[in-house]
Structures are given as structure tokens and as C-alpha cells.
């Protein structure tokens, strides 16, 4: 009888441990760190409406023209340069490839994992160059 109780407790604790996922990173996409892509990736017109950090996820609300946005290809790309200041700064741009030829104005929201952008210390200022916005990433 004691063995059954012990086995039952082990199973219950195993299930609880599996459900307690410490990885709260539920970002839609990763941030690309590439000076080449930063310079050469598509740069179709978009408007960044808001930026918001939630843990390691940068939420970007943006708009662009198109039919429905289903064919858009978006990437958040870091330039690889770290500017020495207090706090340090990194330049990023939201790349959009938009081949839709419609006049609708569509708003979308995506999240990007910015964990790879950490530098020494506990914060870095992220400059989103195609919006003239910046946001402080603290970790």
C-alpha cells in the first residue's frame, strides 16, 4: 500500500513539475543579429505604432498597406553594433517585405525575443531606427 502511495505522489509531482514551465518566453519570433541583414533586408514602408517590453519579448504594433497582411515577411534585425553609453545602446530595424498591392491599411502585432541583445550590466537601450523610437530593456 505504501508503494502505491509513493508511486502516486511521484507521478503527481512529475505532472506538476512538467506543467510549471519556467520558460515564459512566448515570443512569436527571434531577433536576428546580423549587420549584413540589417543593411540589406527588405525595407518596405511600415508605421510602428507602439513598442512594449514584457520580459524578454518586445511587442511591436505596426501598420502597413496591403490586402490582408498574410504574405508579409517581417524580421526584427539588430545591427550587431553596441554603442558605448550609459546605458549601452543597440540599433534595430523592423524589416518588412510586402508584395501585396491593395489599398487597405492593416495593423498587426508581433513579439520578438530580445534575449540575445543583452550586454554586460542589466540594461540596454534599443533604438528602433525605422521609427525613431527607443525602449529600455532591463534584465
Foldseek 3Di string as FASTA:
>chain_A
DVVVVVVVVVVVVVVVVVVPDPPPPPFPEAAAEELVCQPDFAADDKAWDDWDDDAQKIKTKIKDAADACPPKDWHKYWNNDWDDDVVIETEIEIHIDYPGDDGDMDIDMGIYGNVVVDDPDFWYWYQHPVHRDIDIHGD
